Amino acid sequence: MKPERPAYDALVQVKTPKSFANALDRAANSRMMSRSDFVRATLADRLRADGIEVERGVA
C-alpha cells in the first residue's frame, strides 16, 4: 500500500535559466524523483537547516 501524499494547495513559481532547470532534472532523476519532489525536498531541508519548522511528510 502506498502512503498518502499530502495535498498540495499552493503554487510557487520561479524563473530560471534553462541550464538551471536542466540541472534540477538531472539531480531529480539521479534520485529517482520528479523535479517537483526534488525541489520540495531540497527546500524543506534548507528551511530546517535555517531553523524553520516544516511539517513532517511534506518532504
N, C-alpha and C. Protein backbone atom coordinates (compact mmCIF):
# COMPACT_ATOMS: atom_id res chain seq x y z
N MET A 1 0.85 -1.18 0.00
CA MET A 1 0.00 0.00 0.00
C MET A 1 0.89 1.24 0.00
N LYS A 2 0.59 2.19 -0.90
CA LYS A 2 1.37 3.42 -0.99
C LYS A 2 0.89 4.41 0.08
N PRO A 3 1.82 5.11 0.70
CA PRO A 3 1.40 6.13 1.67
C PRO A 3 0.68 7.27 0.95
N GLU A 4 -0.24 7.90 1.66
CA GLU A 4 -0.97 9.03 1.07
C GLU A 4 -0.03 10.22 0.91
N ARG A 5 -0.15 10.89 -0.22
CA ARG A 5 0.64 12.10 -0.45
C ARG A 5 -0.11 13.28 0.16
N PRO A 6 0.64 14.23 0.68
CA PRO A 6 -0.02 15.43 1.21
C PRO A 6 -0.71 16.20 0.09
N ALA A 7 -1.75 16.93 0.45
CA ALA A 7 -2.43 17.77 -0.54
C ALA A 7 -1.58 19.00 -0.80
N TYR A 8 -1.29 19.25 -2.04
CA TYR A 8 -0.53 20.44 -2.41
C TYR A 8 -1.53 21.48 -2.88
N ASP A 9 -1.69 22.55 -2.10
CA ASP A 9 -2.73 23.52 -2.40
C ASP A 9 -2.19 24.93 -2.65
N ALA A 10 -0.89 25.03 -2.85
CA ALA A 10 -0.29 26.32 -3.18
C ALA A 10 0.72 26.12 -4.31
N LEU A 11 0.79 27.08 -5.19
CA LEU A 11 1.70 27.02 -6.32
C LEU A 11 2.79 28.06 -6.14
N VAL A 12 4.04 27.63 -6.28
CA VAL A 12 5.19 28.53 -6.22
C VAL A 12 5.90 28.40 -7.56
N GLN A 13 6.11 29.53 -8.21
CA GLN A 13 6.79 29.52 -9.50
C GLN A 13 8.02 30.40 -9.44
N VAL A 14 9.07 29.95 -10.10
CA VAL A 14 10.29 30.75 -10.22
C VAL A 14 10.78 30.67 -11.65
N LYS A 15 11.42 31.72 -12.09
CA LYS A 15 12.03 31.72 -13.41
C LYS A 15 13.51 31.43 -13.24
N THR A 16 14.02 30.54 -14.09
CA THR A 16 15.43 30.19 -14.05
C THR A 16 15.95 30.07 -15.47
N PRO A 17 17.25 30.13 -15.62
CA PRO A 17 17.81 29.81 -16.93
C PRO A 17 17.54 28.34 -17.24
N LYS A 18 17.45 28.02 -18.53
CA LYS A 18 17.18 26.64 -18.93
C LYS A 18 18.23 25.69 -18.36
N SER A 19 19.48 26.15 -18.26
CA SER A 19 20.54 25.29 -17.73
C SER A 19 20.27 24.90 -16.27
N PHE A 20 19.66 25.81 -15.51
CA PHE A 20 19.32 25.52 -14.11
C PHE A 20 18.20 24.48 -14.04
N ALA A 21 17.19 24.64 -14.88
CA ALA A 21 16.10 23.67 -14.92
C ALA A 21 16.64 22.30 -15.34
N ASN A 22 17.56 22.27 -16.29
CA ASN A 22 18.17 21.01 -16.71
C ASN A 22 18.96 20.37 -15.57
N ALA A 23 19.66 21.18 -14.80
CA ALA A 23 20.41 20.67 -13.65
C ALA A 23 19.46 20.10 -12.61
N LEU A 24 18.33 20.76 -12.38
CA LEU A 24 17.32 20.22 -11.46
C LEU A 24 16.82 18.87 -11.94
N ASP A 25 16.56 18.76 -13.23
CA ASP A 25 16.10 17.49 -13.78
C ASP A 25 17.14 16.38 -13.58
N ARG A 26 18.41 16.69 -13.83
CA ARG A 26 19.46 15.68 -13.64
C ARG A 26 19.54 15.25 -12.18
N ALA A 27 19.50 16.22 -11.27
CA ALA A 27 19.57 15.89 -9.84
C ALA A 27 18.36 15.07 -9.42
N ALA A 28 17.19 15.45 -9.88
CA ALA A 28 15.97 14.70 -9.52
C ALA A 28 16.02 13.29 -10.08
N ASN A 29 16.42 13.18 -11.34
CA ASN A 29 16.50 11.85 -11.96
C ASN A 29 17.49 10.95 -11.25
N SER A 30 18.59 11.53 -10.78
CA SER A 30 19.60 10.71 -10.09
C SER A 30 19.06 10.15 -8.78
N ARG A 31 18.02 10.77 -8.25
CA ARG A 31 17.38 10.30 -7.01
C ARG A 31 16.04 9.62 -7.27
N MET A 32 15.76 9.41 -8.57
CA MET A 32 14.50 8.78 -8.98
C MET A 32 13.29 9.53 -8.43
N MET A 33 13.33 10.86 -8.57
CA MET A 33 12.27 11.74 -8.10
C MET A 33 11.83 12.62 -9.26
N SER A 34 10.64 13.17 -9.14
CA SER A 34 10.23 14.20 -10.09
C SER A 34 10.95 15.50 -9.74
N ARG A 35 10.98 16.42 -10.68
CA ARG A 35 11.59 17.73 -10.40
C ARG A 35 10.87 18.39 -9.23
N SER A 36 9.55 18.33 -9.22
CA SER A 36 8.78 18.97 -8.13
C SER A 36 9.11 18.34 -6.78
N ASP A 37 9.17 17.00 -6.71
CA ASP A 37 9.51 16.35 -5.45
C ASP A 37 10.91 16.73 -4.99
N PHE A 38 11.85 16.80 -5.94
CA PHE A 38 13.22 17.19 -5.60
C PHE A 38 13.26 18.61 -5.05
N VAL A 39 12.57 19.53 -5.70
CA VAL A 39 12.56 20.92 -5.24
C VAL A 39 11.92 21.02 -3.86
N ARG A 40 10.78 20.34 -3.66
CA ARG A 40 10.13 20.37 -2.33
C ARG A 40 11.06 19.84 -1.25
N ALA A 41 11.72 18.69 -1.52
CA ALA A 41 12.61 18.09 -0.52
C ALA A 41 13.80 19.00 -0.23
N THR A 42 14.37 19.59 -1.28
CA THR A 42 15.52 20.47 -1.11
C THR A 42 15.15 21.72 -0.32
N LEU A 43 14.00 22.30 -0.64
CA LEU A 43 13.55 23.49 0.10
C LEU A 43 13.25 23.14 1.56
N ALA A 44 12.62 22.00 1.79
CA ALA A 44 12.32 21.60 3.16
C ALA A 44 13.61 21.40 3.95
N ASP A 45 14.62 20.77 3.34
CA ASP A 45 15.92 20.59 4.01
C ASP A 45 16.53 21.94 4.36
N ARG A 46 16.48 22.88 3.44
CA ARG A 46 17.07 24.21 3.68
C ARG A 46 16.31 24.95 4.78
N LEU A 47 14.98 24.87 4.75
CA LEU A 47 14.20 25.53 5.79
C LEU A 47 14.54 24.96 7.17
N ARG A 48 14.64 23.64 7.26
CA ARG A 48 15.01 23.01 8.54
C ARG A 48 16.40 23.46 8.97
N ALA A 49 17.34 23.53 8.03
CA ALA A 49 18.70 23.97 8.34
C ALA A 49 18.72 25.41 8.86
N ASP A 50 17.76 26.20 8.40
CA ASP A 50 17.65 27.59 8.84
C ASP A 50 16.81 27.72 10.11
N GLY A 51 16.41 26.58 10.69
CA GLY A 51 15.66 26.59 11.94
C GLY A 51 14.18 26.83 11.79
N ILE A 52 13.65 26.67 10.59
CA ILE A 52 12.23 26.87 10.34
C ILE A 52 11.54 25.52 10.33
N GLU A 53 10.52 25.39 11.16
CA GLU A 53 9.78 24.13 11.25
C GLU A 53 9.04 23.83 9.96
N VAL A 54 9.15 22.58 9.52
CA VAL A 54 8.42 22.12 8.34
C VAL A 54 7.64 20.89 8.77
N GLU A 55 6.39 20.81 8.36
CA GLU A 55 5.56 19.67 8.71
C GLU A 55 6.21 18.38 8.23
N ARG A 56 6.17 17.36 9.05
CA ARG A 56 6.66 16.04 8.63
C ARG A 56 5.76 15.53 7.52
N GLY A 57 6.33 14.82 6.60
CA GLY A 57 5.55 14.31 5.48
C GLY A 57 5.48 15.27 4.32
N VAL A 58 5.95 16.50 4.52
CA VAL A 58 5.97 17.46 3.41
C VAL A 58 7.09 17.08 2.47
N ALA A 59 8.22 16.79 3.00
CA ALA A 59 9.36 16.35 2.18
C ALA A 59 10.38 15.68 3.07
